[in-house]
Amino acid sequence: MNLYTADLHFGHANAINFDHRPFLDVDDVDEILIRNWNYRVSPDDDVWIIGDFCYRTQESPAVYLRRLKGHKYLILGNL
């Protein structure tokens, strides 16, 4: 299956306040995003990430990508 996503903002602590997200901290946001992704995405799915995957995170984007199911395609310029 082809799936599309954008604006995940992994590691973006200020997104909690900007978007009024109901989370304790950025680690809480990241863990819930990963859990929800892996609940929906199967290992054989193709996932197109079309913008704002992460922002000012302490982790490399690769750390998040390894934890997410599916074949991931990042559009150049949106890491």
PDB file of N, CA and C in Angstrom:
ATOM      1  N   MET A   1       0.839  -1.164   0.000  1.00  0.00           N
ATOM      2  CA  MET A   1       0.000   0.000   0.000  1.00  0.00           C
ATOM      3  C   MET A   1       0.895   1.243   0.000  1.00  0.00           C
ATOM      4  N   ASN A   2       0.498   2.273  -0.707  1.00  0.00           N
ATOM      5  CA  ASN A   2       1.187   3.562  -0.681  1.00  0.00           C
ATOM      6  C   ASN A   2       0.523   4.460   0.353  1.00  0.00           C
ATOM      7  N   LEU A   3       1.335   5.007   1.240  1.00  0.00           N
ATOM      8  CA  LEU A   3       0.856   5.937   2.263  1.00  0.00           C
ATOM      9  C   LEU A   3       1.676   7.215   2.165  1.00  0.00           C
ATOM     10  N   TYR A   4       1.070   8.321   2.581  1.00  0.00           N
ATOM     11  CA  TYR A   4       1.725   9.627   2.503  1.00  0.00           C
ATOM     12  C   TYR A   4       1.566  10.342   3.837  1.00  0.00           C
ATOM     13  N   THR A   5       2.626  11.029   4.246  1.00  0.00           N
ATOM     14  CA  THR A   5       2.574  11.787   5.494  1.00  0.00           C
ATOM     15  C   THR A   5       3.452  13.019   5.375  1.00  0.00           C
ATOM     16  N   ALA A   6       3.215  13.965   6.255  1.00  0.00           N
ATOM     17  CA  ALA A   6       4.022  15.187   6.309  1.00  0.00           C
ATOM     18  C   ALA A   6       3.898  15.803   7.701  1.00  0.00           C
ATOM     19  N   ASP A   7       4.837  16.669   8.004  1.00  0.00           N
ATOM     20  CA  ASP A   7       4.789  17.483   9.228  1.00  0.00           C
ATOM     21  C   ASP A   7       4.768  16.670  10.517  1.00  0.00           C
ATOM     22  N   LEU A   8       5.564  15.628  10.578  1.00  0.00           N
ATOM     23  CA  LEU A   8       5.665  14.845  11.811  1.00  0.00           C
ATOM     24  C   LEU A   8       6.436  15.610  12.893  1.00  0.00           C
ATOM     25  N   HIS A   9       7.442  16.344  12.510  1.00  0.00           N
ATOM     26  CA  HIS A   9       8.232  17.175  13.432  1.00  0.00           C
ATOM     27  C   HIS A   9       8.815  16.365  14.585  1.00  0.00           C
ATOM     28  N   PHE A  10       9.393  15.210  14.287  1.00  0.00           N
ATOM     29  CA  PHE A  10      10.078  14.459  15.339  1.00  0.00           C
ATOM     30  C   PHE A  10      11.132  15.355  15.988  1.00  0.00           C
ATOM     31  N   GLY A  11      11.202  15.303  17.310  1.00  0.00           N
ATOM     32  CA  GLY A  11      12.219  16.047  18.041  1.00  0.00           C
ATOM     33  C   GLY A  11      11.966  17.527  18.194  1.00  0.00           C
ATOM     34  N   HIS A  12      10.858  18.019  17.722  1.00  0.00           N
ATOM     35  CA  HIS A  12      10.573  19.456  17.751  1.00  0.00           C
ATOM     36  C   HIS A  12       9.808  19.805  19.028  1.00  0.00           C
ATOM     37  N   ALA A  13      10.542  20.187  20.060  1.00  0.00           N
ATOM     38  CA  ALA A  13       9.941  20.450  21.370  1.00  0.00           C
ATOM     39  C   ALA A  13       8.928  21.592  21.322  1.00  0.00           C
ATOM     40  N   ASN A  14       9.203  22.639  20.563  1.00  0.00           N
ATOM     41  CA  ASN A  14       8.292  23.774  20.528  1.00  0.00           C
ATOM     42  C   ASN A  14       6.973  23.477  19.820  1.00  0.00           C
ATOM     43  N   ALA A  15       6.924  22.424  19.034  1.00  0.00           N
ATOM     44  CA  ALA A  15       5.675  22.069  18.355  1.00  0.00           C
ATOM     45  C   ALA A  15       4.573  21.735  19.363  1.00  0.00           C
ATOM     46  N   ILE A  16       4.956  21.300  20.540  1.00  0.00           N
ATOM     47  CA  ILE A  16       3.965  21.003  21.575  1.00  0.00           C
ATOM     48  C   ILE A  16       3.173  22.268  21.902  1.00  0.00           C
ATOM     49  N   ASN A  17       3.877  23.380  22.071  1.00  0.00           N
ATOM     50  CA  ASN A  17       3.211  24.640  22.400  1.00  0.00           C
ATOM     51  C   ASN A  17       2.555  25.281  21.188  1.00  0.00           C
ATOM     52  N   PHE A  18       3.246  25.264  20.049  1.00  0.00           N
ATOM     53  CA  PHE A  18       2.710  25.895  18.842  1.00  0.00           C
ATOM     54  C   PHE A  18       1.378  25.284  18.428  1.00  0.00           C
ATOM     55  N   ASP A  19       1.305  23.979  18.508  1.00  0.00           N
ATOM     56  CA  ASP A  19       0.128  23.262  18.020  1.00  0.00           C
ATOM     57  C   ASP A  19      -0.799  22.806  19.140  1.00  0.00           C
ATOM     58  N   HIS A  20      -0.503  23.229  20.368  1.00  0.00           N
ATOM     59  CA  HIS A  20      -1.314  22.876  21.540  1.00  0.00           C
ATOM     60  C   HIS A  20      -1.490  21.354  21.657  1.00  0.00           C
ATOM     61  N   ARG A  21      -0.380  20.642  21.446  1.00  0.00           N
ATOM     62  CA  ARG A  21      -0.419  19.185  21.544  1.00  0.00           C
ATOM     63  C   ARG A  21      -0.465  18.764  23.016  1.00  0.00           C
ATOM     64  N   PRO A  22      -1.261  17.761  23.353  1.00  0.00           N
ATOM     65  CA  PRO A  22      -1.447  17.352  24.756  1.00  0.00           C
ATOM     66  C   PRO A  22      -0.410  16.338  25.241  1.00  0.00           C
ATOM     67  N   PHE A  23       0.864  16.733  25.210  1.00  0.00           N
ATOM     68  CA  PHE A  23       1.934  15.826  25.600  1.00  0.00           C
ATOM     69  C   PHE A  23       2.791  16.440  26.687  1.00  0.00           C
ATOM     70  N   LEU A  24       3.468  15.583  27.440  1.00  0.00           N
ATOM     71  CA  LEU A  24       4.324  16.036  28.522  1.00  0.00           C
ATOM     72  C   LEU A  24       5.615  16.668  28.023  1.00  0.00           C
ATOM     73  N   ASP A  25       6.227  16.020  27.033  1.00  0.00           N
ATOM     74  CA  ASP A  25       7.495  16.514  26.499  1.00  0.00           C
ATOM     75  C   ASP A  25       7.723  15.923  25.111  1.00  0.00           C
ATOM     76  N   VAL A  26       8.822  16.311  24.488  1.00  0.00           N
ATOM     77  CA  VAL A  26       9.087  15.886  23.103  1.00  0.00           C
ATOM     78  C   VAL A  26       9.306  14.374  23.006  1.00  0.00           C
ATOM     79  N   ASP A  27       9.861  13.769  24.018  1.00  0.00           N
ATOM     80  CA  ASP A  27      10.037  12.307  23.995  1.00  0.00           C
ATOM     81  C   ASP A  27       8.686  11.603  23.993  1.00  0.00           C
ATOM     82  N   ASP A  28       7.740  12.136  24.736  1.00  0.00           N
ATOM     83  CA  ASP A  28       6.379  11.590  24.761  1.00  0.00           C
ATOM     84  C   ASP A  28       5.737  11.688  23.376  1.00  0.00           C
ATOM     85  N   VAL A  29       5.879  12.840  22.735  1.00  0.00           N
ATOM     86  CA  VAL A  29       5.341  13.035  21.378  1.00  0.00           C
ATOM     87  C   VAL A  29       5.954  12.015  20.423  1.00  0.00           C
ATOM     88  N   ASP A  30       7.278  11.929  20.433  1.00  0.00           N
ATOM     89  CA  ASP A  30       7.972  11.031  19.511  1.00  0.00           C
ATOM     90  C   ASP A  30       7.533   9.578  19.700  1.00  0.00           C
ATOM     91  N   GLU A  31       7.434   9.134  20.943  1.00  0.00           N
ATOM     92  CA  GLU A  31       7.051   7.747  21.203  1.00  0.00           C
ATOM     93  C   GLU A  31       5.626   7.453  20.731  1.00  0.00           C
ATOM     94  N   ILE A  32       4.728   8.392  20.928  1.00  0.00           N
ATOM     95  CA  ILE A  32       3.345   8.180  20.497  1.00  0.00           C
ATOM     96  C   ILE A  32       3.246   8.209  18.977  1.00  0.00           C
ATOM     97  N   LEU A  33       3.981   9.108  18.325  1.00  0.00           N
ATOM     98  CA  LEU A  33       3.989   9.123  16.861  1.00  0.00           C
ATOM     99  C   LEU A  33       4.508   7.802  16.301  1.00  0.00           C
ATOM    100  N   ILE A  34       5.580   7.287  16.884  1.00  0.00           N
ATOM    101  CA  ILE A  34       6.154   6.016  16.434  1.00  0.00           C
ATOM    102  C   ILE A  34       5.165   4.875  16.672  1.00  0.00           C
ATOM    103  N   ARG A  35       4.548   4.852  17.839  1.00  0.00           N
ATOM    104  CA  ARG A  35       3.568   3.802  18.146  1.00  0.00           C
ATOM    105  C   ARG A  35       2.396   3.835  17.162  1.00  0.00           C
ATOM    106  N   ASN A  36       1.861   5.023  16.909  1.00  0.00           N
ATOM    107  CA  ASN A  36       0.726   5.150  15.986  1.00  0.00           C
ATOM    108  C   ASN A  36       1.120   4.778  14.559  1.00  0.00           C
ATOM    109  N   TRP A  37       2.295   5.195  14.133  1.00  0.00           N
ATOM    110  CA  TRP A  37       2.795   4.844  12.793  1.00  0.00           C
ATOM    111  C   TRP A  37       2.857   3.326  12.657  1.00  0.00           C
ATOM    112  N   ASN A  38       3.520   2.686  13.607  1.00  0.00           N
ATOM    113  CA  ASN A  38       3.726   1.239  13.518  1.00  0.00           C
ATOM    114  C   ASN A  38       2.432   0.438  13.671  1.00  0.00           C
ATOM    115  N   TYR A  39       1.425   1.023  14.286  1.00  0.00           N
ATOM    116  CA  TYR A  39       0.114   0.383  14.370  1.00  0.00           C
ATOM    117  C   TYR A  39      -0.549   0.363  12.993  1.00  0.00           C
ATOM    118  N   ARG A  40      -0.361   1.427  12.223  1.00  0.00           N
ATOM    119  CA  ARG A  40      -1.036   1.584  10.935  1.00  0.00           C
ATOM    120  C   ARG A  40      -0.248   1.026   9.752  1.00  0.00           C
ATOM    121  N   VAL A  41       1.075   1.143   9.795  1.00  0.00           N
ATOM    122  CA  VAL A  41       1.940   0.800   8.657  1.00  0.00           C
ATOM    123  C   VAL A  41       2.444  -0.633   8.799  1.00  0.00           C
ATOM    124  N   SER A  42       2.369  -1.385   7.713  1.00  0.00           N
ATOM    125  CA  SER A  42       2.918  -2.742   7.720  1.00  0.00           C
ATOM    126  C   SER A  42       4.328  -2.714   7.133  1.00  0.00           C
ATOM    127  N   PRO A  43       5.129  -3.739   7.386  1.00  0.00           N
ATOM    128  CA  PRO A  43       6.503  -3.748   6.888  1.00  0.00           C
ATOM    129  C   PRO A  43       6.618  -3.626   5.367  1.00  0.00           C
ATOM    130  N   ASP A  44       5.598  -4.043   4.632  1.00  0.00           N
ATOM    131  CA  ASP A  44       5.655  -3.990   3.167  1.00  0.00           C
ATOM    132  C   ASP A  44       5.061  -2.716   2.569  1.00  0.00           C
ATOM    133  N   ASP A  45       4.523  -1.830   3.380  1.00  0.00           N
ATOM    134  CA  ASP A  45       3.945  -0.591   2.869  1.00  0.00           C
ATOM    135  C   ASP A  45       5.029   0.374   2.404  1.00  0.00           C
ATOM    136  N   ASP A  46       4.716   1.166   1.395  1.00  0.00           N
ATOM    137  CA  ASP A  46       5.578   2.264   0.952  1.00  0.00           C
ATOM    138  C   ASP A  46       5.030   3.548   1.561  1.00  0.00           C
ATOM    139  N   VAL A  47       5.883   4.247   2.308  1.00  0.00           N
ATOM    140  CA  VAL A  47       5.464   5.481   2.969  1.00  0.00           C
ATOM    141  C   VAL A  47       6.279   6.636   2.409  1.00  0.00           C
ATOM    142  N   TRP A  48       5.582   7.613   1.855  1.00  0.00           N
ATOM    143  CA  TRP A  48       6.204   8.807   1.282  1.00  0.00           C
ATOM    144  C   TRP A  48       6.107   9.924   2.301  1.00  0.00           C
ATOM    145  N   ILE A  49       7.275  10.402   2.736  1.00  0.00           N
ATOM    146  CA  ILE A  49       7.345  11.472   3.737  1.00  0.00           C
ATOM    147  C   ILE A  49       7.636  12.759   2.973  1.00  0.00           C
ATOM    148  N   ILE A  50       6.635  13.627   2.897  1.00  0.00           N
ATOM    149  CA  ILE A  50       6.740  14.758   1.977  1.00  0.00           C
ATOM    150  C   ILE A  50       7.039  16.086   2.649  1.00  0.00           C
ATOM    151  N   GLY A  51       7.418  16.078   3.897  1.00  0.00           N
ATOM    152  CA  GLY A  51       7.857  17.329   4.488  1.00  0.00           C
ATOM    153  C   GLY A  51       7.955  17.288   5.998  1.00  0.00           C
ATOM    154  N   ASP A  52       8.924  18.032   6.512  1.00  0.00           N
ATOM    155  CA  ASP A  52       9.101  18.275   7.946  1.00  0.00           C
ATOM    156  C   ASP A  52       9.094  16.995   8.778  1.00  0.00           C
ATOM    157  N   PHE A  53       9.976  16.074   8.453  1.00  0.00           N
ATOM    158  CA  PHE A  53      10.091  14.815   9.189  1.00  0.00           C
ATOM    159  C   PHE A  53      10.569  15.058  10.617  1.00  0.00           C
ATOM    160  N   CYS A  54      11.630  15.846  10.768  1.00  0.00           N
ATOM    161  CA  CYS A  54      12.114  16.186  12.102  1.00  0.00           C
ATOM    162  C   CYS A  54      12.669  17.608  12.086  1.00  0.00           C
ATOM    163  N   TYR A  55      12.865  18.160  13.273  1.00  0.00           N
ATOM    164  CA  TYR A  55      13.318  19.544  13.363  1.00  0.00           C
ATOM    165  C   TYR A  55      14.095  19.745  14.654  1.00  0.00           C
ATOM    166  N   ARG A  56      15.338  20.164  14.523  1.00  0.00           N
ATOM    167  CA  ARG A  56      16.204  20.476  15.667  1.00  0.00           C
ATOM    168  C   ARG A  56      16.226  19.386  16.726  1.00  0.00           C
ATOM    169  N   THR A  57      16.192  18.177  16.276  1.00  0.00           N
ATOM    170  CA  THR A  57      16.227  17.049  17.197  1.00  0.00           C
ATOM    171  C   THR A  57      17.652  16.758  17.636  1.00  0.00           C
ATOM    172  N   GLN A  58      17.765  16.168  18.800  1.00  0.00           N
ATOM    173  CA  GLN A  58      19.064  15.724  19.303  1.00  0.00           C
ATOM    174  C   GLN A  58      19.509  14.447  18.592  1.00  0.00           C
ATOM    175  N   GLU A  59      18.561  13.750  17.985  1.00  0.00           N
ATOM    176  CA  GLU A  59      18.830  12.482  17.313  1.00  0.00           C
ATOM    177  C   GLU A  59      19.004  12.685  15.811  1.00  0.00           C
ATOM    178  N   SER A  60      19.711  11.774  15.192  1.00  0.00           N
ATOM    179  CA  SER A  60      19.792  11.739  13.741  1.00  0.00           C
ATOM    180  C   SER A  60      18.442  11.274  13.192  1.00  0.00           C
ATOM    181  N   PRO A  61      18.031  11.767  12.018  1.00  0.00           N
ATOM    182  CA  PRO A  61      16.799  11.254  11.410  1.00  0.00           C
ATOM    183  C   PRO A  61      16.813   9.725  11.278  1.00  0.00           C
ATOM    184  N   ALA A  62      17.998   9.149  11.091  1.00  0.00           N
ATOM    185  CA  ALA A  62      18.122   7.702  10.938  1.00  0.00           C
ATOM    186  C   ALA A  62      17.631   6.952  12.175  1.00  0.00           C
ATOM    187  N   VAL A  63      17.774   7.529  13.351  1.00  0.00           N
ATOM    188  CA  VAL A  63      17.307   6.890  14.583  1.00  0.00           C
ATOM    189  C   VAL A  63      15.796   6.685  14.523  1.00  0.00           C
ATOM    190  N   TYR A  64      15.080   7.693  14.074  1.00  0.00           N
ATOM    191  CA  TYR A  64      13.621   7.582  13.944  1.00  0.00           C
ATOM    192  C   TYR A  64      13.256   6.626  12.812  1.00  0.00           C
ATOM    193  N   LEU A  65      13.917   6.774  11.679  1.00  0.00           N
ATOM    194  CA  LEU A  65      13.583   5.961  10.507  1.00  0.00           C
ATOM    195  C   LEU A  65      13.735   4.471  10.783  1.00  0.00           C
ATOM    196  N   ARG A  66      14.752   4.098  11.553  1.00  0.00           N
ATOM    197  CA  ARG A  66      14.966   2.678  11.887  1.00  0.00           C
ATOM    198  C   ARG A  66      13.816   2.109  12.709  1.00  0.00           C
ATOM    199  N   ARG A  67      13.157   2.943  13.479  1.00  0.00           N
ATOM    200  CA  ARG A  67      12.084   2.465  14.365  1.00  0.00           C
ATOM    201  C   ARG A  67      10.719   2.413  13.688  1.00  0.00           C
ATOM    202  N   LEU A  68      10.617   2.971  12.499  1.00  0.00           N
ATOM    203  CA  LEU A  68       9.333   3.051  11.806  1.00  0.00           C
ATOM    204  C   LEU A  68       9.201   1.939  10.774  1.00  0.00           C
ATOM    205  N   LYS A  69       8.055   1.280  10.752  1.00  0.00           N
ATOM    206  CA  LYS A  69       7.800   0.211   9.787  1.00  0.00           C
ATOM    207  C   LYS A  69       7.645   0.783   8.379  1.00  0.00           C
ATOM    208  N   GLY A  70       7.789  -0.114   7.411  1.00  0.00           N
ATOM    209  CA  GLY A  70       7.551   0.236   6.020  1.00  0.00           C
ATOM    210  C   GLY A  70       8.811   0.651   5.278  1.00  0.00           C
ATOM    211  N   HIS A  71       8.645   0.786   3.968  1.00  0.00           N
ATOM    212  CA  HIS A  71       9.707   1.295   3.099  1.00  0.00           C
ATOM    213  C   HIS A  71       9.497   2.796   3.016  1.00  0.00           C
ATOM    214  N   LYS A  72      10.431   3.556   3.582  1.00  0.00           N
ATOM    215  CA  LYS A  72      10.260   4.996   3.696  1.00  0.00           C
ATOM    216  C   LYS A  72      10.998   5.732   2.598  1.00  0.00           C
ATOM    217  N   TYR A  73      10.326   6.733   2.032  1.00  0.00           N
ATOM    218  CA  TYR A  73      10.899   7.565   0.985  1.00  0.00           C
ATOM    219  C   TYR A  73      10.795   9.016   1.440  1.00  0.00           C
ATOM    220  N   LEU A  74      11.931   9.630   1.704  1.00  0.00           N
ATOM    221  CA  LEU A  74      11.952  11.026   2.099  1.00  0.00           C
ATOM    222  C   LEU A  74      12.191  11.877   0.865  1.00  0.00           C
ATOM    223  N   ILE A  75      11.363  12.867   0.689  1.00  0.00           N
ATOM    224  CA  ILE A  75      11.538  13.795  -0.410  1.00  0.00           C
ATOM    225  C   ILE A  75      12.708  14.707  -0.062  1.00  0.00           C
ATOM    226  N   LEU A  76      13.666  14.819  -0.958  1.00  0.00           N
ATOM    227  CA  LEU A  76      14.893  15.580  -0.733  1.00  0.00           C
ATOM    228  C   LEU A  76      14.587  16.986  -0.227  1.00  0.00           C
ATOM    229  N   GLY A  77      15.307  17.361   0.829  1.00  0.00           N
ATOM    230  CA  GLY A  77      15.145  18.695   1.387  1.00  0.00           C
ATOM    231  C   GLY A  77      14.195  18.738   2.584  1.00  0.00           C
ATOM    232  N   ASN A  78      13.631  17.620   2.918  1.00  0.00           N
ATOM    233  CA  ASN A  78      12.676  17.585   4.025  1.00  0.00           C
ATOM    234  C   ASN A  78      13.072  16.554   5.071  1.00  0.00           C
ATOM    235  N   LEU A  79      14.254  16.694   5.618  1.00  0.00           N
ATOM    236  CA  LEU A  79      14.702  15.808   6.685  1.00  0.00           C
ATOM    237  C   LEU A  79      14.436  16.489   7.992  1.00  0.00           C
TER     238      LEU A  79
END
